[in-house]
N, C-alpha and C. Protein backbone atom coordinates (compact mmCIF):
# COMPACT_ATOMS: atom_id res chain seq x y z
N MET A 1 0.69 -1.09 0.23
CA MET A 1 0.07 -0.19 -0.41
C MET A 1 0.78 0.70 0.04
N ASP A 2 0.37 2.36 -0.72
CA ASP A 2 1.12 3.23 -1.16
C ASP A 2 1.04 4.67 0.89
N ASP A 3 1.68 5.42 0.39
CA ASP A 3 1.32 6.06 1.54
C ASP A 3 0.25 7.35 1.49
N GLN A 4 -0.54 7.14 0.96
CA GLN A 4 -1.94 7.58 0.61
C GLN A 4 -2.70 7.86 1.83
N CYS A 5 -3.34 8.46 1.83
CA CYS A 5 -3.95 8.61 3.27
C CYS A 5 -5.88 8.46 2.87
N TYR A 6 -6.55 7.37 3.15
CA TYR A 6 -7.84 6.64 2.54
C TYR A 6 -8.65 6.81 3.35
N VAL A 7 -9.80 7.87 3.07
CA VAL A 7 -10.64 8.04 4.43
C VAL A 7 -11.69 7.41 3.44
N LEU A 8 -13.08 7.06 4.25
CA LEU A 8 -14.15 6.18 3.83
C LEU A 8 -14.99 6.93 4.70
N LEU A 9 -16.00 7.86 3.81
CA LEU A 9 -17.00 8.83 4.41
C LEU A 9 -18.32 7.82 4.05
N LEU A 10 -18.40 8.10 5.51
CA LEU A 10 -19.83 6.88 5.07
C LEU A 10 -21.34 7.58 5.52
N ASN A 11 -22.01 7.80 5.13
CA ASN A 11 -23.38 9.21 4.61
C ASN A 11 -24.79 7.52 5.81
N ARG A 12 -25.18 8.66 6.92
CA ARG A 12 -26.46 7.86 7.43
C ARG A 12 -27.85 7.86 6.55
N PRO A 13 -28.86 7.21 7.05
CA PRO A 13 -30.10 7.51 6.79
C PRO A 13 -30.68 8.71 6.71
N HIS A 14 -31.16 9.38 5.34
CA HIS A 14 -31.70 10.45 5.76
C HIS A 14 -31.02 11.71 5.01
N LEU A 15 -29.32 11.24 5.04
CA LEU A 15 -29.07 12.25 4.76
C LEU A 15 -29.17 13.08 3.00
N ASN A 16 -29.51 12.05 2.59
CA ASN A 16 -29.95 12.38 0.95
C ASN A 16 -31.21 13.84 0.72
N LEU A 17 -31.71 13.85 2.28
CA LEU A 17 -32.32 15.05 2.35
C LEU A 17 -31.84 16.22 3.48
N LEU A 18 -30.93 16.11 3.19
CA LEU A 18 -30.35 17.66 3.86
C LEU A 18 -30.24 18.45 2.98
N GLY A 19 -30.11 19.53 3.30
CA GLY A 19 -31.20 21.23 2.21
C GLY A 19 -32.69 21.26 2.50
N ILE A 20 -33.27 20.25 3.01
CA ILE A 20 -34.95 20.58 2.88
C ILE A 20 -35.49 20.17 3.68
N ARG A 21 -34.94 19.03 5.42
CA ARG A 21 -35.74 19.16 6.68
C ARG A 21 -35.06 19.68 7.36
N LYS A 22 -35.17 20.38 8.46
CA LYS A 22 -34.28 20.59 9.71
C LYS A 22 -33.66 21.26 9.62
N LEU A 23 -33.98 22.94 8.82
CA LEU A 23 -32.80 23.22 8.48
C LEU A 23 -31.85 24.15 9.92
N ASP A 24 -32.87 24.42 10.77
CA ASP A 24 -31.83 25.10 11.70
C ASP A 24 -30.81 23.93 12.42
N LYS A 25 -31.27 23.31 12.27
CA LYS A 25 -30.25 21.57 13.72
C LYS A 25 -28.79 21.28 12.49
N TYR A 26 -29.29 21.19 10.62
CA TYR A 26 -28.00 20.78 9.41
C TYR A 26 -28.26 21.68 8.45
N ASP A 27 -28.14 23.24 9.06
CA ASP A 27 -27.69 23.52 7.31
C ASP A 27 -28.37 23.50 6.60
N CYS A 28 -28.00 24.46 5.30
CA CYS A 28 -28.73 23.96 4.05
C CYS A 28 -28.42 23.37 2.97
N ALA A 29 -27.02 22.98 3.10
CA ALA A 29 -26.17 22.21 2.57
C ALA A 29 -26.74 21.16 2.27
N THR A 30 -26.67 20.67 0.53
CA THR A 30 -27.41 19.19 0.39
C THR A 30 -25.85 18.06 0.50
N LEU A 31 -26.75 16.90 1.07
CA LEU A 31 -24.96 15.70 1.16
C LEU A 31 -24.47 16.03 -0.84
N ALA A 32 -25.25 16.05 -1.81
CA ALA A 32 -24.76 15.94 -3.36
C ALA A 32 -23.13 17.32 -2.55
N ASN A 33 -23.34 18.30 -2.64
CA ASN A 33 -22.48 19.78 -1.79
C ASN A 33 -21.82 19.21 -0.61
N ILE A 34 -22.16 18.85 0.14
CA ILE A 34 -20.99 18.11 1.17
C ILE A 34 -20.12 17.37 0.67
N ILE A 35 -20.59 15.89 -0.37
CA ILE A 35 -19.27 15.38 -1.31
C ILE A 35 -18.56 16.13 -2.20
N GLU A 36 -19.46 17.26 -2.88
CA GLU A 36 -18.75 18.00 -4.28
C GLU A 36 -17.60 18.76 -2.68
N ASP A 37 -17.94 19.44 -2.30
CA ASP A 37 -16.77 19.57 -1.53
C ASP A 37 -15.89 18.92 -0.70
N LEU A 38 -15.94 18.09 -0.42
CA LEU A 38 -14.84 17.41 0.59
C LEU A 38 -14.14 16.74 -0.34
N SER A 39 -14.61 15.98 -1.68
CA SER A 39 -13.75 15.51 -2.59
C SER A 39 -13.17 16.26 -3.10
N ALA A 40 -12.99 17.91 -3.50
CA ALA A 40 -12.13 18.27 -3.61
C ALA A 40 -11.11 18.68 -2.86
N LEU A 41 -11.98 18.92 -1.62
CA LEU A 41 -10.76 19.03 -0.03
C LEU A 41 -9.75 18.25 -0.20
N SER A 42 -10.00 16.68 -0.07
CA SER A 42 -9.72 15.70 0.36
C SER A 42 -8.33 15.84 -1.10
N GLY A 43 -8.18 16.26 -2.18
CA GLY A 43 -7.51 15.67 -3.10
C GLY A 43 -7.00 16.57 -2.99
N SER A 44 -6.53 18.37 -2.85
CA SER A 44 -5.52 18.98 -2.88
C SER A 44 -4.74 18.94 -1.35
N LEU A 45 -5.41 17.81 -0.59
CA LEU A 45 -4.90 17.42 0.51
C LEU A 45 -4.42 15.81 0.41
N GLY A 46 -4.21 15.38 -0.22
CA GLY A 46 -4.34 14.21 -0.90
C GLY A 46 -4.41 12.62 0.53
N ILE A 47 -5.76 13.52 0.22
CA ILE A 47 -6.41 12.02 0.49
C ILE A 47 -7.53 12.01 -0.25
N LYS A 48 -7.48 9.91 -0.46
CA LYS A 48 -7.82 9.68 -1.26
C LYS A 48 -9.32 9.42 -0.54
N LEU A 49 -10.39 9.77 -1.34
CA LEU A 49 -11.53 9.77 -0.35
C LEU A 49 -12.66 8.66 -1.40
N SER A 50 -13.28 8.28 -0.21
CA SER A 50 -14.90 7.15 -0.67
C SER A 50 -15.43 7.73 0.26
N HIS A 51 -17.75 7.21 -0.35
CA HIS A 51 -18.04 8.05 -0.02
C HIS A 51 -18.87 6.83 -0.31
N PHE A 52 -19.71 6.44 0.83
CA PHE A 52 -21.53 5.73 0.20
C PHE A 52 -22.18 6.12 1.47
N LYS A 53 -23.12 5.77 0.98
CA LYS A 53 -24.33 6.41 1.36
C LYS A 53 -25.27 5.19 1.67
N PHE A 54 -26.04 4.86 2.53
CA PHE A 54 -26.45 3.92 3.36
C PHE A 54 -27.72 3.68 3.79
N HIS A 55 -29.07 3.30 3.71
CA HIS A 55 -30.28 3.41 4.52
C HIS A 55 -30.04 1.81 5.38
N ALA A 56 -30.22 0.49 5.46
CA ALA A 56 -29.90 -0.96 5.48
C ALA A 56 -28.58 -1.09 6.33
N GLU A 57 -28.77 -1.13 8.06
CA GLU A 57 -27.34 -1.56 8.64
C GLU A 57 -26.44 -2.81 7.88
N HIS A 58 -27.36 -3.94 7.47
CA HIS A 58 -26.47 -5.04 6.98
C HIS A 58 -25.68 -4.45 5.46
N ILE A 59 -26.03 -3.57 5.10
CA ILE A 59 -25.24 -2.64 3.48
C ILE A 59 -24.06 -1.75 4.11
N LEU A 60 -24.42 -1.07 5.04
CA LEU A 60 -22.98 -0.45 5.78
C LEU A 60 -22.56 -1.71 6.25
N ILE A 61 -23.09 -2.76 7.39
CA ILE A 61 -21.70 -3.61 7.98
C ILE A 61 -20.28 -4.51 6.49
N ASP A 62 -21.43 -4.53 5.48
CA ASP A 62 -21.06 -5.17 4.69
C ASP A 62 -19.80 -3.72 4.07
N ARG A 63 -20.07 -3.25 3.75
CA ARG A 63 -19.66 -2.29 3.05
C ARG A 63 -18.00 -1.48 4.42
N ILE A 64 -18.10 -1.25 5.37
CA ILE A 64 -17.30 -1.65 6.75
C ILE A 64 -16.13 -3.48 5.83
N HIS A 65 -16.49 -4.07 6.25
CA HIS A 65 -16.29 -5.04 5.91
C HIS A 65 -14.94 -5.49 4.19
N GLN A 66 -15.85 -4.87 3.56
CA GLN A 66 -14.96 -4.44 2.17
C GLN A 66 -13.88 -3.34 2.56
N VAL A 67 -13.71 -2.73 2.96
CA VAL A 67 -11.95 -1.55 2.88
C VAL A 67 -11.83 -2.23 4.16
N TYR A 68 -11.73 -3.33 4.75
CA TYR A 68 -11.01 -4.11 5.89
C TYR A 68 -8.80 -3.87 5.22
N ASN A 69 -8.64 -3.82 5.90
CA ASN A 69 -7.47 -3.30 5.16
C ASN A 69 -6.48 -2.52 3.87
N ASN A 70 -7.87 -1.96 3.91
CA ASN A 70 -6.96 -0.96 2.84
C ASN A 70 -7.93 0.35 3.13
N THR A 71 -8.01 0.95 4.39
CA THR A 71 -8.49 1.97 4.30
C THR A 71 -7.83 2.14 6.02
N ASN A 72 -7.68 4.19 6.17
CA ASN A 72 -6.41 4.39 7.09
C ASN A 72 -7.76 4.88 8.37
N PHE A 73 -9.05 5.10 7.16
CA PHE A 73 -10.25 5.62 9.01
C PHE A 73 -11.19 5.52 8.06
N ILE A 74 -12.02 6.01 9.11
CA ILE A 74 -13.79 5.87 8.91
C ILE A 74 -14.41 6.45 9.14
N THR A 75 -14.75 7.75 8.79
CA THR A 75 -15.44 8.76 8.48
C THR A 75 -17.10 8.42 8.94
N ILE A 76 -17.93 9.04 9.87
CA ILE A 76 -19.13 8.38 9.47
C ILE A 76 -20.50 9.24 10.69
N ASN A 77 -21.84 9.05 10.15
CA ASN A 77 -22.41 10.15 10.84
C ASN A 77 -23.54 9.25 10.83
N PRO A 78 -23.78 8.75 12.25
CA PRO A 78 -24.57 7.74 12.09
C PRO A 78 -26.07 7.85 13.69
N ALA A 79 -26.84 8.72 12.90
CA ALA A 79 -28.01 8.88 13.37
C ALA A 79 -28.22 7.72 14.51
N ALA A 80 -29.12 7.41 14.42
CA ALA A 80 -29.88 6.90 15.41
C ALA A 80 -28.33 5.33 15.48
N LEU A 81 -28.15 4.93 14.25
CA LEU A 81 -26.74 3.96 15.40
C LEU A 81 -26.29 4.10 15.70
N THR A 82 -25.85 5.85 16.41
CA THR A 82 -24.70 5.78 17.43
C THR A 82 -25.72 4.98 18.58
N TYR A 83 -26.57 4.79 18.93
CA TYR A 83 -27.41 4.56 20.12
C TYR A 83 -28.20 3.44 20.29
N THR A 84 -27.73 2.59 18.94
CA THR A 84 -28.79 1.19 18.85
C THR A 84 -27.79 0.24 18.04
N GLY A 85 -26.50 0.69 17.75
CA GLY A 85 -25.94 0.13 17.25
C GLY A 85 -24.71 -0.66 17.74
N ILE A 86 -24.98 -2.22 18.51
CA ILE A 86 -24.01 -2.56 18.96
C ILE A 86 -23.36 -3.37 17.98
N ILE A 87 -24.88 -3.83 16.55
CA ILE A 87 -23.93 -4.11 15.39
C ILE A 87 -22.50 -3.49 14.43
N LEU A 88 -22.90 -2.59 14.65
CA LEU A 88 -21.72 -1.23 13.39
C LEU A 88 -20.88 -1.15 14.67
N CYS A 89 -20.64 -1.25 15.16
CA CYS A 89 -20.10 -1.59 17.91
C CYS A 89 -18.97 -2.53 17.01
N ASP A 90 -19.97 -3.50 16.71
CA ASP A 90 -19.02 -5.78 16.94
C ASP A 90 -18.30 -4.57 15.26
N ALA A 91 -18.27 -4.27 14.26
CA ALA A 91 -18.21 -4.38 13.38
C ALA A 91 -16.83 -3.92 12.94
N MET A 92 -16.64 -2.81 13.63
CA MET A 92 -15.36 -1.68 14.26
C MET A 92 -14.79 -2.19 14.76
N LEU A 93 -14.97 -3.19 15.78
CA LEU A 93 -13.75 -3.35 16.23
C LEU A 93 -13.08 -5.04 15.87
N ILE A 94 -13.85 -5.36 14.96
CA ILE A 94 -13.61 -6.45 13.84
C ILE A 94 -12.39 -6.06 12.86
N VAL A 95 -12.32 -4.78 11.98
CA VAL A 95 -11.95 -4.41 11.14
C VAL A 95 -10.87 -3.36 11.55
N ASN A 96 -10.69 -3.36 13.25
CA ASN A 96 -9.73 -2.21 13.92
C ASN A 96 -9.39 -0.85 12.47
N ILE A 97 -10.19 0.15 12.54
CA ILE A 97 -9.85 1.38 11.28
C ILE A 97 -10.61 2.54 12.35
N SER A 98 -9.18 2.81 12.64
CA SER A 98 -9.77 3.84 13.11
C SER A 98 -11.10 4.82 13.33
N LEU A 99 -11.84 5.16 14.13
CA LEU A 99 -13.09 5.50 13.49
C LEU A 99 -13.31 7.23 14.33
N ILE A 100 -14.31 7.73 12.91
CA ILE A 100 -14.11 9.13 13.69
C ILE A 100 -16.19 9.69 13.26
N LYS A 101 -16.62 10.16 14.51
CA LYS A 101 -18.01 10.23 14.56
C LYS A 101 -18.49 11.97 14.13
N ILE A 102 -18.89 11.60 12.81
CA ILE A 102 -19.59 13.12 12.88
C ILE A 102 -20.98 14.04 13.10
N TYR A 103 -21.43 14.75 13.79
CA TYR A 103 -22.57 14.72 13.87
C TYR A 103 -22.47 16.31 12.61
N LEU A 104 -23.45 16.48 12.11
CA LEU A 104 -24.11 17.94 11.36
C LEU A 104 -24.79 18.78 12.80
N SER A 105 -25.60 18.13 13.92
CA SER A 105 -26.29 19.49 14.27
C SER A 105 -25.80 18.93 16.43
N ASN A 106 -25.33 18.99 16.96
CA ASN A 106 -25.25 18.77 18.52
C ASN A 106 -25.62 18.12 18.90
N VAL A 107 -25.14 16.73 18.84
CA VAL A 107 -26.85 16.33 19.84
C VAL A 107 -26.76 16.05 21.21
N TYR A 108 -25.67 16.87 21.53
CA TYR A 108 -25.89 16.84 22.81
C TYR A 108 -27.41 18.30 23.53
N VAL A 109 -27.28 18.93 22.92
CA VAL A 109 -28.29 19.70 22.50
C VAL A 109 -30.11 19.33 22.35
N ARG A 110 -30.16 18.28 22.11
CA ARG A 110 -30.96 17.74 21.32
C ARG A 110 -31.60 16.38 22.21
N GLU A 111 -32.68 15.63 21.57
CA GLU A 111 -33.22 15.01 22.53
C GLU A 111 -32.47 13.66 23.26
N PRO A 112 -32.86 13.85 24.68
CA PRO A 112 -32.23 12.59 26.31
C PRO A 112 -31.06 11.61 24.61
N PHE A 113 -32.09 11.24 24.46
CA PHE A 113 -31.40 9.47 23.82
C PHE A 113 -30.34 9.85 22.56
N CYS A 114 -30.09 10.82 22.51
CA CYS A 114 -29.91 10.94 21.20
C CYS A 114 -28.34 10.92 21.79
N HIS A 115 -27.92 11.47 23.39
CA HIS A 115 -26.57 11.60 24.29
C HIS A 115 -25.92 10.09 24.52
N TYR A 116 -26.17 9.86 24.34
CA TYR A 116 -26.10 8.08 24.43
C TYR A 116 -24.74 7.27 23.48
N SER A 117 -24.28 6.99 23.40
CA SER A 117 -23.22 6.39 22.13
C SER A 117 -22.55 5.63 22.69
N TYR A 118 -22.74 4.21 21.97
CA TYR A 118 -22.13 2.79 21.36
C TYR A 118 -20.98 3.25 21.32
N LEU A 119 -20.77 3.62 20.05
CA LEU A 119 -19.41 3.95 19.63
C LEU A 119 -18.84 5.53 20.08
N SER A 120 -18.86 6.36 21.29
CA SER A 120 -17.34 6.69 21.22
C SER A 120 -16.49 6.10 22.90
N ASP A 121 -16.41 5.01 22.96
CA ASP A 121 -15.45 3.61 23.44
C ASP A 121 -14.91 3.80 22.59
N ILE A 122 -14.87 3.42 21.80
CA ILE A 122 -14.04 2.91 19.84
C ILE A 122 -13.51 3.92 19.40
N SER A 123 -14.53 5.74 18.95
CA SER A 123 -14.42 6.34 17.90
C SER A 123 -12.54 7.03 18.50
N VAL A 124 -11.49 7.77 17.65
CA VAL A 124 -10.75 8.19 17.68
C VAL A 124 -10.57 10.09 18.10
N ASN A 125 -11.97 10.02 17.59
CA ASN A 125 -12.43 11.69 16.84
C ASN A 125 -14.07 11.39 16.97
N LEU A 126 -14.39 13.10 17.51
CA LEU A 126 -15.56 12.91 17.04
C LEU A 126 -15.68 14.48 16.77
N ILE A 127 -16.67 14.42 15.69
CA ILE A 127 -16.92 16.15 15.39
C ILE A 127 -18.63 16.78 15.68
N CYS A 128 -18.79 17.78 16.31
CA CYS A 128 -19.65 17.28 17.06
C CYS A 128 -20.37 19.02 16.61
N GLY A 129 -21.43 18.84 15.54
CA GLY A 129 -22.64 20.54 15.79
C GLY A 129 -21.98 21.43 14.81
N LEU A 130 -20.81 21.28 13.90
CA LEU A 130 -19.92 21.57 13.39
C LEU A 130 -21.19 22.35 11.32
N SER A 131 -21.47 21.48 11.30
CA SER A 131 -22.10 21.31 10.25
C SER A 131 -20.85 20.48 9.35
N ALA A 132 -20.84 20.87 8.28
CA ALA A 132 -20.34 20.47 7.18
C ALA A 132 -19.14 20.53 7.63
N ALA A 133 -18.89 21.66 7.63
CA ALA A 133 -17.09 22.92 8.49
C ALA A 133 -16.58 21.91 9.30
N GLY A 134 -16.99 20.98 9.91
CA GLY A 134 -16.63 20.15 11.03
C GLY A 134 -15.75 18.82 10.19
N ILE A 135 -15.95 18.62 9.21
CA ILE A 135 -16.07 17.65 8.04
C ILE A 135 -13.93 17.94 7.67
N ALA A 136 -14.31 19.62 7.55
CA ALA A 136 -13.31 19.18 6.44
C ALA A 136 -12.63 19.80 7.51
N VAL A 137 -12.87 20.12 9.07
CA VAL A 137 -11.55 20.56 9.89
C VAL A 137 -10.58 19.42 10.00
N LEU A 138 -11.29 18.33 9.83
CA LEU A 138 -10.92 17.15 10.51
C LEU A 138 -10.08 16.31 9.56
N TYR A 139 -10.49 16.54 8.15
CA TYR A 139 -9.55 15.95 7.00
C TYR A 139 -8.70 17.07 6.40
N ARG A 140 -8.18 18.30 7.13
CA ARG A 140 -7.42 19.35 7.32
C ARG A 140 -6.27 18.62 7.97
N GLN A 141 -6.67 17.98 9.55
CA GLN A 141 -5.83 17.30 10.37
C GLN A 141 -4.79 16.69 9.75
N TRP A 142 -5.69 15.44 8.56
CA TRP A 142 -4.47 15.10 8.01
C TRP A 142 -3.55 14.82 7.13
N SER A 143 -4.45 16.18 6.62
CA SER A 143 -3.12 16.97 5.38
C SER A 143 -1.82 16.55 5.53
N ASN A 144 -0.75 16.91 6.08
CA ASN A 144 0.87 16.49 5.64
C ASN A 144 0.96 14.94 5.98
N ALA A 145 -0.20 14.39 6.75
CA ALA A 145 0.39 12.36 6.17
C ALA A 145 -0.77 12.25 7.13
N CYS A 146 -0.31 10.47 7.01
CA CYS A 146 -1.40 9.55 7.67
C CYS A 146 -0.73 9.35 9.05
N LEU A 147 -1.42 9.36 9.89
CA LEU A 147 -0.75 9.16 11.37
C LEU A 147 -1.63 7.30 11.59
N TYR A 148 -1.54 6.87 11.15
CA TYR A 148 -2.41 6.08 12.38
C TYR A 148 -2.11 5.01 10.26
N PRO A 149 -0.90 4.21 10.69
CA PRO A 149 -0.88 2.88 9.84
C PRO A 149 -2.11 2.14 9.43
N ILE A 150 -2.49 1.68 8.37
CA ILE A 150 -3.64 1.14 7.53
C ILE A 150 -3.05 -0.42 8.62
N ASN A 151 -4.00 -1.47 9.19
CA ASN A 151 -3.89 -2.19 10.22
C ASN A 151 -3.84 -3.36 9.34
């Protein structure tokens, strides 16, 4: 494997409705806008970005298994899977790829059930409440080099 940093961005259910729902919580950017901006930023930083949109949990798990041994980081906006996703947590532990959780809104000022996450203990970082700009901050952090080797 080369020295390039490989990142998989997993986009949760309902993100296809960004820009039209709950604008006060999620901003007005669409998922297509976010992917386009992150793809351009990633390319300029030497990050090889792939992205995947899922609605079904088993498809998400299959995709995580597919990137085993060829991805440095997985970034995910887990939505409800954060507090129900034991199988997601298990999949991440099996592949042992560094996980970063991304929440476009601040989950800690939302409903109490949003505060707990099965993924917190296995995540290396958290971006919360910064909209898509938070993801860009994270990607810039990786711009000099991938600090974590692929397992």
